[in-house]
Protein backbone atom coordinates (compact mmCIF):
# COMPACT_ATOMS: atom_id res chain seq x y z
CA MET A 1 -24.50 -30.62 4.57
CA ASN A 2 -25.96 -32.81 7.36
CA ASN A 3 -28.81 -30.95 9.19
CA GLY A 4 -29.77 -33.90 11.32
CA ASP A 5 -28.53 -35.07 14.51
CA ALA A 6 -27.30 -38.67 13.56
CA THR A 7 -24.08 -39.39 11.88
CA ILE A 8 -24.43 -40.02 8.01
CA ARG A 9 -22.40 -42.32 5.81
CA PHE A 10 -22.26 -41.29 2.21
CA ARG A 11 -21.22 -42.96 -0.97
CA TRP A 12 -21.37 -41.42 -4.71
CA ASN A 13 -22.62 -43.59 -7.30
CA ALA A 14 -22.45 -42.20 -10.87
CA GLY A 15 -23.62 -45.46 -12.54
CA ASP A 16 -22.18 -45.98 -15.99
CA LYS A 17 -20.97 -42.23 -16.18
CA GLU A 18 -17.30 -43.01 -15.81
CA GLU A 19 -16.41 -39.54 -16.63
CA PHE A 20 -17.38 -38.27 -13.26
CA LYS A 21 -15.08 -38.68 -10.34
CA PHE A 22 -16.05 -37.63 -6.65
CA TYR A 23 -13.65 -36.44 -4.00
CA PRO A 24 -14.24 -37.67 -1.55
CA GLY A 25 -16.18 -40.53 -2.99
CA GLU A 26 -17.45 -41.99 0.33
CA GLY A 27 -17.11 -40.98 3.95
CA LEU A 28 -18.82 -40.16 7.22
CA LEU A 29 -20.55 -36.79 8.08
CA LYS A 30 -21.13 -35.64 11.58
CA GLY A 31 -24.60 -34.31 12.47
CA HIS A 32 -24.97 -30.47 11.92
CA SER A 33 -21.50 -30.30 9.83
CA SER A 34 -20.75 -30.19 6.19
CA LYS A 35 -17.96 -31.25 3.77
CA ARG A 36 -16.76 -29.84 0.69
CA MET A 37 -17.14 -31.97 -2.28
CA LYS A 38 -14.99 -31.89 -5.62
CA ILE A 39 -16.46 -33.26 -8.82
CA MET A 40 -13.99 -34.06 -11.74
CA VAL A 41 -15.07 -34.65 -15.07
CA LYS A 42 -12.66 -36.39 -17.52
CA GLY A 43 -13.64 -38.06 -20.88
CA ILE A 44 -12.14 -39.42 -23.96
CA ASP A 45 -15.16 -39.44 -26.28
CA LYS A 46 -17.34 -36.51 -27.42
CA LYS A 47 -20.39 -36.44 -25.13
CA LYS A 48 -23.05 -33.99 -23.84
CA TYR A 49 -24.81 -34.55 -20.54
CA ASP A 50 -27.95 -32.44 -19.75
CA LYS A 51 -29.33 -32.68 -16.18
CA ILE A 52 -28.40 -36.18 -15.66
CA ASP A 53 -28.74 -37.79 -12.12
CA LEU A 54 -25.72 -38.60 -10.03
CA ASN A 55 -26.64 -40.50 -6.87
CA CYS A 56 -25.45 -40.07 -3.39
CA GLU A 57 -26.42 -43.11 -1.18
CA LEU A 58 -26.97 -42.10 2.26
CA SER A 59 -27.34 -44.19 5.46
CA GLN A 60 -27.52 -43.43 9.21
CA VAL A 61 -24.64 -45.09 11.25
CA GLU A 62 -23.52 -45.21 14.83
CA GLN A 63 -19.89 -45.39 16.13
CA PRO A 64 -18.82 -46.76 19.47
CA GLY A 65 -17.40 -43.87 21.53
CA ASP A 66 -16.77 -40.43 20.19
CA PHE A 67 -17.27 -39.53 16.57
CA GLN A 68 -14.30 -40.20 14.36
CA ASP A 69 -14.20 -38.52 11.11
CA TRP A 70 -13.35 -40.32 7.73
CA ASP A 71 -13.52 -40.29 4.00
CA ASP A 72 -11.49 -41.85 1.18
CA THR A 73 -9.31 -38.77 0.64
CA MET A 74 -7.63 -39.41 4.06
CA LYS A 75 -4.56 -41.29 2.95
CA THR A 76 -1.38 -42.68 4.53
CA LEU A 77 2.14 -43.59 3.10
CA ARG A 78 4.00 -46.69 3.82
CA MET A 79 6.94 -48.50 2.44
CA VAL A 80 6.29 -52.22 0.98
CA ARG A 81 8.42 -54.84 -0.91
CA PRO A 82 8.19 -54.67 -4.81
CA SER A 83 6.27 -57.98 -4.98
CA GLU A 84 3.76 -56.94 -2.36
CA HIS A 85 3.41 -53.70 -4.24
CA ARG A 86 2.55 -55.66 -7.53
CA LYS A 87 0.14 -57.85 -5.79
CA ILE A 88 -1.77 -54.93 -4.16
CA MET A 89 -2.11 -52.96 -7.43
CA ARG A 90 -3.31 -56.17 -9.23
CA ASP A 91 -5.97 -56.59 -6.52
CA ARG A 92 -6.98 -53.08 -6.71
CA GLU A 93 -7.49 -53.45 -10.51
CA LEU A 94 -9.62 -56.62 -10.16
CA MET A 95 -11.63 -54.94 -7.60
CA ALA A 96 -12.33 -51.84 -9.76
CA GLN A 97 -13.27 -54.16 -12.74
CA LYS A 98 -15.62 -55.92 -10.59
CA ARG A 99 -17.39 -52.73 -9.31
CA LYS A 100 -17.66 -51.59 -12.93
CA GLU A 101 -19.37 -54.65 -13.90
CA GLU A 102 -21.74 -54.42 -11.05
CA LEU A 103 -22.57 -50.81 -11.89
CA GLU A 104 -23.21 -51.58 -15.67
CA ALA A 105 -25.42 -54.67 -14.56
CA ALA A 106 -27.35 -52.30 -11.99
CA ALA A 107 -27.77 -49.80 -14.91
CA LEU A 108 -29.31 -52.40 -17.28
CA ALA A 109 -31.47 -53.84 -14.65
CA ALA A 110 -32.81 -50.26 -14.09
CA THR A 111 -33.80 -50.24 -17.86
CA GLY A 112 -35.24 -53.68 -17.77
CA LYS A 113 -32.60 -55.40 -19.87
CA LYS A 114 -30.65 -58.48 -18.87
CA ALA A 115 -26.88 -58.12 -18.55
CA ALA A 116 -24.95 -60.02 -21.18
CA LYS A 117 -22.47 -62.71 -19.99
CA PRO A 118 -19.00 -61.95 -20.43
CA PRO A 119 -17.58 -64.19 -23.15
CA ALA A 120 -15.45 -67.16 -21.94
CA LYS A 121 -11.58 -66.81 -22.47
CA ASP A 122 -10.01 -69.46 -24.29
CA LYS A 123 -6.71 -70.47 -23.09
CA LYS A 124 -4.61 -70.66 -26.14
CA LYS A 125 -1.34 -72.46 -26.42
CA GLY A 126 1.53 -70.13 -25.36
CA GLU A 127 -1.00 -67.90 -23.40
CA GLU A 128 0.46 -67.37 -19.62
CA VAL A 129 -2.16 -68.39 -17.09
CA GLU A 130 -2.58 -65.55 -14.60
CA GLU A 131 -1.08 -66.79 -11.17
CA ASP A 132 -1.28 -65.34 -7.63
CA ILE A 133 1.65 -63.12 -6.95
CA GLU A 134 3.59 -64.32 -4.05
CA ILE A 135 5.38 -61.92 -1.75
CA ASP A 136 9.07 -62.38 -1.56
CA GLU A 137 9.94 -62.00 2.12
CA SER A 138 13.68 -61.42 1.16
CA GLU A 139 13.16 -58.23 -0.69
CA ASP A 140 13.64 -54.83 0.84
CA ALA A 141 10.62 -52.61 1.55
CA ASN A 142 11.73 -49.77 -0.65
CA VAL A 143 8.49 -48.90 -2.73
CA GLU A 144 6.00 -46.24 -1.68
CA LEU A 145 2.47 -47.33 -1.25
CA ILE A 146 -0.23 -44.84 -0.59
CA GLU A 147 -3.46 -46.29 0.91
CA VAL A 148 -6.66 -44.91 2.17
CA ILE A 149 -6.95 -44.77 6.12
CA PRO A 150 -9.20 -47.75 7.06
CA GLU A 151 -12.74 -46.86 7.84
CA PRO A 152 -13.75 -46.70 11.52
CA GLU A 153 -16.15 -49.34 12.80
CA THR A 154 -19.66 -48.22 12.36
CA THR A 155 -23.13 -49.77 12.66
CA THR A 156 -25.77 -48.99 10.12
CA ILE A 157 -29.17 -48.16 11.57
CA GLU A 158 -31.92 -50.16 10.06
CA ASN A 159 -34.28 -48.81 7.58
CA SER A 160 -32.27 -45.44 7.27
CA GLU A 161 -30.88 -45.89 3.74
CA LYS A 162 -32.05 -43.53 1.23
CA THR A 163 -30.59 -41.86 -2.12
CA VAL A 164 -30.28 -38.33 -2.80
CA MET A 165 -29.93 -37.23 -6.54
CA LEU A 166 -27.68 -34.34 -7.93
CA LYS A 167 -28.42 -32.98 -11.30
CA ALA A 168 -25.39 -32.36 -13.42
CA SER A 169 -24.61 -31.07 -16.94
CA CYS A 170 -21.48 -31.07 -18.76
CA VAL A 171 -20.05 -31.24 -22.38
CA ILE A 172 -17.08 -33.12 -23.33
CA ASP A 173 -15.35 -32.38 -26.48
CA HIS A 174 -12.25 -31.02 -28.22
CA ALA A 175 -12.29 -27.69 -30.26
CA SER A 176 -13.05 -27.97 -33.99
CA TYR A 177 -13.58 -25.52 -36.71
CA GLU A 178 -14.46 -24.85 -40.49
CA CYS A 179 -12.67 -22.38 -42.59
CA ASN A 180 -12.61 -22.48 -46.37
CA VAL A 181 -9.66 -19.78 -46.57
CA SER A 182 -6.05 -20.90 -46.77
CA LYS A 183 -4.35 -18.22 -48.85
CA VAL A 184 -5.10 -14.52 -49.54
CA ASP A 185 -3.54 -12.53 -52.42
CA PHE A 186 -4.30 -8.69 -52.31
CA LYS A 187 -4.39 -6.57 -55.39
CA PRO A 188 -1.76 -4.00 -56.04
CA THR A 189 -2.18 -1.32 -53.30
CA LEU A 190 -1.02 2.21 -53.02
CA MET A 191 1.25 3.26 -50.09
CA TYR A 192 -0.71 4.69 -47.26
CA ALA A 193 -3.85 3.07 -48.63
CA SER A 194 -5.71 0.05 -47.38
CA ARG A 195 -7.41 -3.07 -48.70
CA SER A 196 -9.52 -5.53 -46.68
CA TYR A 197 -10.44 -9.17 -47.13
CA LYS A 198 -13.31 -10.90 -45.06
CA PHE A 199 -13.46 -14.45 -44.20
CA THR A 200 -15.52 -16.77 -41.73
CA ILE A 201 -14.41 -19.42 -39.15
CA LYS A 202 -17.36 -21.54 -37.67
CA ASN A 203 -17.06 -23.43 -34.48
CA THR A 204 -18.21 -27.03 -35.15
CA SER A 205 -17.59 -28.39 -31.68
CA LEU A 206 -19.75 -28.52 -28.60
CA ILE A 207 -17.51 -26.13 -26.50
CA ASN A 208 -16.36 -22.69 -26.95
CA LEU A 209 -13.62 -21.95 -29.48
CA ASP A 210 -11.03 -19.62 -27.90
CA PHE A 211 -8.67 -18.22 -30.61
CA ASN A 212 -5.62 -15.84 -30.63
CA PHE A 213 -4.03 -14.81 -33.95
CA LYS A 214 -0.46 -14.16 -34.61
CA ILE A 215 1.18 -12.94 -37.77
CA VAL A 216 4.88 -14.15 -38.50
CA ASN A 217 7.38 -13.56 -41.33
CA SER A 218 7.05 -16.44 -43.95
CA ASN A 219 10.88 -16.59 -44.38
CA SER A 220 12.07 -16.20 -40.70
CA GLY A 221 9.16 -17.42 -38.74
CA ILE A 222 9.47 -14.43 -36.18
CA LEU A 223 6.65 -12.32 -35.14
CA ASP A 224 6.17 -9.56 -37.66
CA ALA A 225 2.95 -8.35 -38.77
CA GLY A 226 4.42 -5.95 -41.35
CA PRO A 227 1.49 -4.14 -43.24
CA TYR A 228 -1.15 -6.74 -42.07
CA SER A 229 -3.61 -6.64 -39.25
CA ILE A 230 -6.48 -8.85 -38.41
CA ILE A 231 -9.78 -7.97 -36.68
CA PRO A 232 -10.63 -9.44 -34.12
CA LYS A 233 -7.14 -10.66 -33.07
CA LYS A 234 -8.47 -12.72 -30.05
CA GLY A 235 -11.72 -13.75 -28.72
CA CYS A 236 -14.18 -16.64 -28.39
CA ILE A 237 -16.88 -18.30 -30.71
CA ALA A 238 -19.82 -19.98 -29.18
CA PRO A 239 -20.59 -23.62 -30.09
CA GLY A 240 -22.28 -24.02 -33.37
CA CYS A 241 -21.78 -20.26 -34.34
CA ASP A 242 -19.42 -18.46 -36.54
CA ASP A 243 -17.57 -15.14 -36.61
CA ASN A 244 -16.30 -12.78 -39.49
CA PHE A 245 -12.63 -11.72 -39.62
CA ILE A 246 -11.15 -8.91 -41.68
CA VAL A 247 -7.65 -8.92 -42.63
CA LYS A 248 -6.33 -5.45 -43.75
CA TYR A 249 -3.32 -4.64 -46.09
CA SER A 250 -2.09 -1.19 -45.38
CA PRO A 251 1.55 -0.88 -46.96
CA VAL A 252 3.58 2.23 -45.99
CA GLU A 253 6.60 1.34 -48.14
CA VAL A 254 7.21 -0.75 -51.17
CA GLU A 255 8.86 -4.09 -50.21
CA ALA A 256 10.19 -6.86 -52.43
CA ASP A 257 8.39 -9.53 -50.16
CA ASN A 258 5.21 -8.76 -48.25
CA SER A 259 4.25 -12.46 -47.75
CA ARG A 260 3.20 -13.28 -44.03
CA ILE A 261 1.59 -16.30 -42.27
CA LEU A 262 -1.56 -15.62 -40.31
CA SER A 263 -1.55 -18.42 -37.56
CA ALA A 264 -4.48 -19.07 -35.14
CA ASN A 265 -3.76 -20.38 -31.76
CA ILE A 266 -6.89 -22.40 -30.80
CA ARG A 267 -7.18 -23.79 -27.24
CA ASN A 268 -8.28 -27.48 -26.91
CA LEU A 269 -7.80 -28.30 -30.49
CA ALA A 270 -8.33 -31.91 -31.42
CA GLY A 271 -5.22 -33.73 -32.23
CA GLU A 272 -6.27 -34.94 -35.66
CA THR A 273 -7.49 -31.31 -36.68
CA GLU A 274 -4.90 -29.39 -38.66
CA PRO A 275 -4.10 -25.82 -37.08
CA LEU A 276 -5.55 -22.79 -38.85
CA ILE A 277 -2.85 -21.22 -41.07
CA ILE A 278 -3.46 -18.70 -43.80
CA GLU A 279 -0.97 -17.44 -46.24
CA VAL A 280 -1.17 -13.62 -46.98
CA ASN A 281 0.57 -11.66 -49.71
CA GLY A 282 0.28 -8.36 -51.45
CA VAL A 283 2.04 -5.94 -53.80
CA ALA A 284 2.62 -2.26 -52.78
CA GLU A 285 2.77 0.65 -55.30
CA ARG A 286 4.31 4.15 -54.79
CA PRO A 287 2.03 7.10 -55.24
CA ILE A 288 3.01 10.34 -56.43
CA ILE A 289 1.20 12.41 -53.58
CA HIS A 290 -0.54 11.24 -50.46
CA PHE A 291 -2.83 13.27 -48.14
CA GLU A 292 -3.12 12.61 -44.60
CA LEU A 293 -6.76 13.59 -44.22
CA PRO A 294 -9.07 13.00 -40.92
CA ASN A 295 -11.80 10.58 -41.33
CA THR A 296 -15.36 11.84 -42.21
CA THR A 297 -18.59 10.29 -42.75
CA TYR A 298 -20.02 12.94 -45.05
CA ARG A 299 -20.05 10.67 -48.01
CA GLU A 300 -21.95 7.98 -46.12
CA ARG A 301 -24.43 10.61 -45.15
CA LYS A 302 -25.01 11.78 -48.53
CA GLU A 303 -25.71 8.34 -49.85
CA LYS A 304 -28.39 7.90 -47.24
CA ASP A 305 -29.93 11.06 -48.33
CA MET A 306 -29.80 9.88 -51.96
CA THR A 307 -27.36 12.50 -53.03
CA PRO A 308 -24.19 10.53 -53.39
CA VAL A 309 -20.90 12.36 -53.81
CA ASP A 310 -18.77 11.59 -56.88
CA ALA A 311 -15.93 9.05 -56.00
CA LYS A 312 -13.30 11.47 -57.58
CA PHE A 313 -13.59 13.72 -54.68
CA LYS A 314 -11.46 13.68 -51.40
CA ILE A 315 -13.59 15.33 -48.73
CA ILE A 316 -12.41 17.88 -46.00
CA GLU A 317 -15.18 18.60 -43.55
CA PHE A 318 -15.45 21.69 -41.21
CA GLU A 319 -17.89 22.17 -38.19
CA SER A 320 -18.37 25.71 -37.03
CA LEU A 321 -19.82 26.50 -33.58
CA GLY A 322 -21.90 29.68 -34.69
CA THR A 323 -21.56 32.11 -37.38
CA MET A 324 -18.97 34.78 -38.30
CA ILE A 325 -16.24 32.66 -36.67
CA ARG A 326 -13.02 31.57 -38.44
CA ASN A 327 -12.46 27.85 -38.38
CA THR A 328 -9.11 26.32 -39.41
CA LYS A 329 -8.45 22.89 -40.99
CA ARG A 330 -4.78 21.51 -41.29
CA PHE A 331 -3.49 18.38 -42.94
CA MET A 332 -0.28 17.00 -44.23
CA ALA A 333 0.56 16.18 -47.98
CA VAL A 334 3.19 13.63 -48.24
CA ASN A 335 5.65 13.33 -51.30
CA PRO A 336 6.91 9.64 -51.19
CA THR A 337 8.91 10.01 -54.49
CA ALA A 338 12.51 10.56 -55.14
CA THR A 339 12.07 14.08 -56.39
CA GLY A 340 10.65 17.30 -55.25
CA TYR A 341 7.84 19.11 -57.29
CA GLU A 342 5.48 22.41 -56.88
CA PHE A 343 1.85 22.32 -56.19
CA GLU A 344 -1.02 24.76 -56.36
CA TRP A 345 -4.63 24.91 -55.22
CA GLU A 346 -7.42 26.27 -57.45
CA GLU A 347 -11.11 26.68 -56.47
CA ILE A 348 -13.73 25.69 -59.04
CA GLN A 349 -16.46 28.40 -59.43
CA GLU A 350 -19.78 27.20 -60.54
CA GLN A 351 -21.09 28.98 -63.63
CA GLY A 352 -23.60 31.68 -63.15
CA LYS A 353 -23.12 31.80 -59.25
CA VAL A 354 -21.15 34.57 -57.66
CA LEU A 355 -21.12 33.89 -53.91
CA LYS A 356 -19.34 35.37 -51.09
CA PRO A 357 -16.37 33.25 -50.38
CA MET A 358 -16.60 31.23 -47.04
CA PHE A 359 -13.68 29.12 -47.79
CA LYS A 360 -10.00 30.29 -48.08
CA CYS A 361 -6.83 28.28 -48.73
CA THR A 362 -3.93 30.05 -46.98
CA THR A 363 -1.36 27.70 -48.80
CA PRO A 364 -2.34 28.16 -52.32
CA LYS A 365 1.13 27.29 -53.78
CA GLY A 366 4.27 25.64 -52.45
CA LEU A 367 7.02 23.13 -52.94
CA ILE A 368 7.21 19.48 -51.24
CA LEU A 369 10.76 18.13 -51.31
CA SER A 370 11.28 14.37 -51.84
CA GLY A 371 10.29 12.33 -49.04
CA LYS A 372 9.03 15.27 -46.96
CA LYS A 373 5.57 16.64 -45.87
CA SER A 374 3.84 19.94 -46.47
CA GLU A 375 1.11 21.35 -44.38
CA MET A 376 -2.05 22.50 -46.13
CA VAL A 377 -4.29 24.96 -44.31
CA PHE A 378 -7.88 25.92 -45.27
CA GLU A 379 -10.16 28.41 -43.42
CA TYR A 380 -14.07 28.44 -43.06
CA THR A 381 -15.93 31.58 -41.95
CA PRO A 382 -19.53 31.07 -42.37
CA ASP A 383 -22.12 34.02 -42.26
CA SER A 384 -25.38 32.01 -42.21
CA VAL A 385 -26.66 28.89 -40.67
CA GLY A 386 -26.65 25.60 -42.72
CA GLU A 387 -24.40 23.52 -44.82
CA HIS A 388 -22.08 24.91 -47.41
CA GLU A 389 -19.76 23.19 -50.15
CA SER A 390 -16.96 24.27 -52.09
CA LYS A 391 -15.09 22.40 -54.77
CA TRP A 392 -11.19 22.76 -55.24
CA LEU A 393 -8.50 21.23 -57.53
CA PHE A 394 -5.16 20.32 -56.33
CA LYS A 395 -2.44 20.42 -59.05
CA ILE A 396 1.03 19.29 -59.60
CA PRO A 397 1.98 20.76 -62.96
CA GLN A 398 5.34 18.90 -63.18
CA GLU A 399 3.71 15.48 -63.09
CA ASN A 400 0.54 16.52 -64.84
CA ILE A 401 -1.58 15.32 -61.70
CA GLN A 402 -4.85 16.76 -60.65
CA GLN A 403 -6.81 15.64 -57.47
CA HIS A 404 -10.47 16.99 -56.91
CA PHE A 405 -11.42 18.00 -53.45
CA LEU A 406 -14.93 18.84 -51.86
CA ILE A 407 -14.67 21.10 -48.95
CA VAL A 408 -17.75 20.99 -46.70
CA GLY A 409 -18.88 23.28 -43.81
CA ARG A 410 -21.53 22.90 -41.31
CA VAL A 411 -22.76 25.50 -38.71
CA ASN A 412 -23.91 24.22 -35.43
CA GLU A 413 -25.96 26.82 -33.20
CA PRO A 414 -24.25 27.16 -29.89
CA ASN A 415 -26.26 25.53 -27.11
CA VAL A 416 -26.73 28.53 -25.10
CA LEU A 417 -30.36 29.28 -23.75
CA PHE A 418 -32.54 30.66 -20.99
CA GLU A 419 -33.85 28.15 -18.44
CA SER A 420 -37.28 29.64 -18.94
CA GLY A 421 -38.67 31.64 -21.85
CA LYS A 422 -41.08 33.81 -19.70
CA ILE A 423 -41.39 35.88 -16.53
CA ARG A 424 -44.92 36.67 -15.07
CA PHE A 425 -44.95 39.57 -12.45
CA GLY A 426 -48.79 39.84 -12.27
CA PRO A 427 -50.41 43.19 -10.84
CA LEU A 428 -48.04 45.51 -8.98
CA LEU A 429 -48.83 48.81 -7.24
CA LEU A 430 -47.47 51.81 -8.97
CA GLN A 431 -43.70 52.50 -7.94
CA GLY A 432 -43.66 49.13 -6.31
CA LYS A 433 -40.84 46.74 -6.93
CA ASN A 434 -40.58 43.05 -7.72
CA LYS A 435 -37.52 40.95 -8.79
CA GLU A 436 -37.24 37.58 -10.58
CA THR A 437 -34.16 35.69 -11.54
CA VAL A 438 -33.68 33.66 -14.71
CA ARG A 439 -30.52 31.72 -15.59
CA ILE A 440 -28.80 31.86 -18.88
CA ILE A 441 -27.16 28.36 -19.55
CA ASN A 442 -24.06 27.57 -21.48
CA GLN A 443 -23.80 23.87 -22.46
CA GLU A 444 -20.81 24.22 -24.70
CA GLU A 445 -17.25 23.57 -24.02
CA ILE A 446 -16.19 27.21 -24.51
CA PRO A 447 -17.35 30.54 -22.91
CA PHE A 448 -19.98 32.82 -24.79
CA ALA A 449 -20.38 36.53 -24.55
CA PHE A 450 -23.96 37.91 -24.47
CA ASN A 451 -25.64 41.31 -24.30
CA PHE A 452 -29.39 42.54 -23.96
CA ALA A 453 -30.53 44.96 -26.71
CA ARG A 454 -31.33 48.34 -24.65
CA ASP A 455 -34.21 49.16 -27.04
CA SER A 456 -35.95 45.76 -26.04
CA ILE A 457 -35.37 46.65 -22.29
CA ARG A 458 -37.15 49.97 -22.71
CA GLY A 459 -40.06 48.52 -24.62
CA SER A 460 -42.96 50.71 -25.72
CA PRO A 461 -42.43 54.68 -25.26
CA ASP A 462 -45.68 54.52 -22.88
CA TYR A 463 -43.88 52.10 -20.36
CA GLY A 464 -41.32 54.54 -19.26
CA ASP A 465 -38.33 53.22 -17.30
CA SER A 466 -40.21 50.40 -15.78
CA LEU A 467 -37.82 47.38 -16.30
CA LYS A 468 -34.41 46.98 -15.50
CA VAL A 469 -31.91 43.90 -16.21
CA THR A 470 -28.84 43.07 -14.44
CA PRO A 471 -26.28 42.42 -15.83
CA VAL A 472 -26.99 43.81 -19.35
CA SER A 473 -23.85 42.07 -20.76
CA GLY A 474 -21.36 39.57 -19.79
CA VAL A 475 -19.85 36.14 -20.36
CA VAL A 476 -21.38 32.64 -19.50
CA PRO A 477 -18.39 30.20 -18.53
CA ALA A 478 -18.26 26.90 -20.29
CA GLN A 479 -20.59 24.20 -18.93
CA SER A 480 -22.05 26.63 -16.53
CA ASP A 481 -24.75 29.12 -16.17
CA LEU A 482 -25.19 32.87 -15.04
CA PRO A 483 -28.23 34.38 -13.08
CA ILE A 484 -29.85 37.25 -14.78
CA GLU A 485 -31.97 39.52 -12.29
CA VAL A 486 -34.94 41.22 -13.90
CA GLN A 487 -36.64 44.04 -11.84
CA PHE A 488 -40.06 45.50 -12.48
CA THR A 489 -41.09 48.98 -11.26
CA PRO A 490 -44.27 49.99 -12.91
CA LYS A 491 -44.55 53.68 -13.64
CA PHE A 492 -48.00 53.92 -15.21
CA GLU A 493 -51.30 52.20 -14.75
CA LEU A 494 -51.35 49.77 -17.87
CA THR A 495 -50.53 46.38 -18.84
CA TYR A 496 -46.76 45.78 -19.78
CA ASN A 497 -45.61 43.22 -22.27
CA TYR A 498 -41.61 43.14 -23.16
CA ASN A 499 -39.66 40.84 -25.47
CA LEU A 500 -36.04 41.04 -24.20
CA THR A 501 -33.63 40.25 -27.01
CA CYS A 502 -30.39 38.72 -25.91
CA ASN A 503 -27.68 38.62 -28.50
CA VAL A 504 -25.20 35.66 -28.02
CA LYS A 505 -21.83 35.89 -29.68
CA ARG A 506 -21.62 33.26 -32.66
CA LYS A 507 -25.42 32.76 -32.47
CA ALA A 508 -27.26 33.51 -35.65
CA ARG A 509 -30.64 34.16 -33.86
CA PRO A 510 -31.06 35.97 -30.56
CA LEU A 511 -32.54 34.66 -27.34
CA VAL A 512 -36.03 35.96 -26.42
CA LEU A 513 -37.36 36.39 -22.83
CA ASN A 514 -40.77 37.57 -22.53
CA VAL A 515 -41.73 39.52 -19.72
CA LYS A 516 -45.30 40.61 -18.51
CA GLY A 517 -46.71 42.52 -15.74
CA GLU A 518 -49.38 45.11 -14.75
CA GLY A 519 -49.36 48.50 -12.84
CA TYR A 520 -52.17 49.84 -10.95
CA LYS A 521 -52.99 52.43 -8.18
CA ILE A 522 -55.61 52.71 -5.52
CA HIS A 523 -58.96 54.63 -6.53
CA HIS A 524 -61.28 55.75 -3.71
CA LYS A 525 -64.86 57.17 -3.25
CA ILE A 526 -66.87 58.47 -0.33
CA PHE A 527 -70.62 57.85 0.34
CA ALA A 528 -72.69 59.35 3.09
CA GLY A 529 -76.35 59.70 4.41
CA GLU A 530 -79.51 57.73 3.76
CA PRO A 531 -80.20 57.24 0.77
CA ARG A 532 -76.38 57.03 0.17
CA VAL A 533 -74.92 60.15 -1.66
CA GLU A 534 -71.62 60.28 -3.17
CA VAL A 535 -69.29 63.01 -1.68
CA SER A 536 -67.76 65.14 -4.38
CA GLN A 537 -64.07 65.25 -4.87
CA PRO A 538 -62.59 68.69 -3.75
CA ALA A 539 -60.17 70.65 -5.95
CA SER A 540 -56.58 69.89 -5.48
CA GLY A 541 -55.32 71.51 -2.09
CA GLN A 542 -58.88 71.74 -0.52
CA ALA A 543 -60.57 69.71 1.93
CA ALA A 544 -63.76 67.74 1.16
CA SER A 545 -66.98 68.69 3.05
CA CYS A 546 -70.17 66.79 3.64
CA PRO A 547 -72.80 68.12 6.02
CA ILE A 548 -74.59 65.31 8.14
CA ASP A 549 -77.75 66.38 9.90
CA PHE A 550 -79.17 64.22 12.64
CA GLY A 551 -82.18 66.57 13.06
CA GLU A 552 -84.12 66.78 16.44
CA PHE A 553 -84.17 63.78 18.89
CA PHE A 554 -84.80 63.16 22.67
CA ILE A 555 -82.32 62.91 25.48
CA ASN A 556 -80.58 59.41 25.73
CA GLU A 557 -82.06 58.79 22.04
CA ARG A 558 -79.65 57.30 19.60
CA LYS A 559 -79.36 58.05 15.96
CA VAL A 560 -76.82 56.63 13.26
CA ARG A 561 -75.70 58.04 9.90
CA LYS A 562 -73.22 55.82 7.79
CA VAL A 563 -70.28 57.08 5.74
CA THR A 564 -68.76 54.52 3.36
CA LEU A 565 -65.28 54.71 2.00
C-alpha cells in the first residue's frame, strides 16, 4: 500500500532464497493506492525458514503526463518465427543466470566473504561452441510468445531509494513416517467378541502428516473391511509427534479367510518412502451361546474401589429412579450353532442370608432354536436406597454349559425439592391472614406425584387450624415446578413452629418445609390523675368509671387532668 502522494516503483529481492517467487515481482504503484501481492514458495530440498527477511526495493519515480500503471504480470501475446523464439528464450536464460550470480555475489558480500570465480570452461574436442542464433526471415511466424508489456518511461527521484523488509517463515519438506508394524495376527476369537491391537505411527517430517486408512480384501483388492476396524481412521499428526492406532477384530461369522490389507493414504509422501501397508489376519470360533448385553462400567468402578469383580461374571446393571418401582431390563441371547437347546436361570442364594428378593427373572426357562435369538427379561423392585447385588447362573443342560451373572441395582433419589426449606411469617395479629408461596421443583424427565401429610399441617393440638396449604396433593410435571401456597391465620397468642412433611412418590425420604410464625393480640390499660392511677377493668358488659375532680378554681382559670391509654 502506498500512503504517500508520489508514485513508487517496487522490486522484490529474495536474495539467494530461490524458493520464493513474487507476483508481481516489480511494478509501479500510484500514490494512495494498493496492489495485491502473491508469494509462491516452491522448493526441491528439505528446508525450514524462520522469520527471514525478504527485501522490497522502493524508489520514487515520475512519469511524463498522466500516471500509467504497470507491473511484470501484465503480459501480451504475439506470434514469432521458430528461430526468433529460440533466440529470445536463450537470451532469457542467460539473463536469469546472470541475475542469479549477481544475487549470490551480493549475499556473499553482505556476509564479508568474497565470491568465488566461476571455473573456466575447457573447450574439449568435439564440444560444440555456443553460437549466436540467427533469425531465419523465411520462416512463418507460427509460434506463440508471451512477453511482459514494456515498462513506461519513468524518472527516478534522487535520494528516494529505500528498502522495506518482509518477515517470512515456511517449511519445505515431504511427509515421512516411522512404523514398526507390517503384519498383525490376531489370536482365535469367538464370534461377537472383539480383540484389539495397538500400534504407533511417528511423523518424522517437518510438515503435518495427513492420513486416511482404508481396508481392502487381500485377494480381490476391493474395499472390504470385513471384521476389522481402525481408530482413528483419518486425521493429522503434527511434525515430530506420534499417534496411537487401534485395530479391532470383531468377527460375526466363521470365515475360511479373514485376511485383509490395511493401507494408509498419506498426503505429500516422499517418492522414495514406501507407502504404509499392514497385513492383518485372524481366526474366528463359533460359541455355543452369545449374550447381547448393554455396556456397563460397573467392573471398572469396583476396581477403583479396590473391590474387583470376578472375571467369570457377566454384569447386568439397573438404575432405579426411586424405591418401590418396578424396573425392567431386556436383552437377547443368540444361538449361533446348528442345533437348538433348552436353557434355565437359577438364583444363587448366599448361605445364612434370607433376604427379600428385589430381582426376578420372568423368563426362567425356555428354548432357543438354531440361529435364532431369545429375549431374556429381569425385573428390579428396590425397597431401600443404596446398591444391591444378586448372583445368577445361566445353564444349558444339553451342552453342560454354565455362565455366571452378577445383577446389580442402584437406587437414585428423584431430584424433586423445595426452592426454599423454610417460611418465616413473623408476628401476626390474631385472626389476621398472611400468605407465602414456595415452589416444588422437579428436575427429572418424568412427572412425580406428591402429597402433604395432614398431621404435619395441623401441627400441635394447641395451634388449632392456623395453617392452610394449597394444594395438599398433586403432580409436578417433568422438568417443571408447581407453586404451593401456605396461609397463616393465628388463632391463639403463642409462637408457632410447623414441619410440613411432603411425601413424593418413589422418594424414600419426604421433603420437609419448616414454617414459623407468631400470633398476638392488643392489650390496653387506662391511667388517670396525678399521681397516675390505673383505672380498674370493669366486669364484662359493664362500663368503666373513673371520677376526675378538678376542685375549686376562679373564673377564666384553667386546670388540666391527664388520662393515658
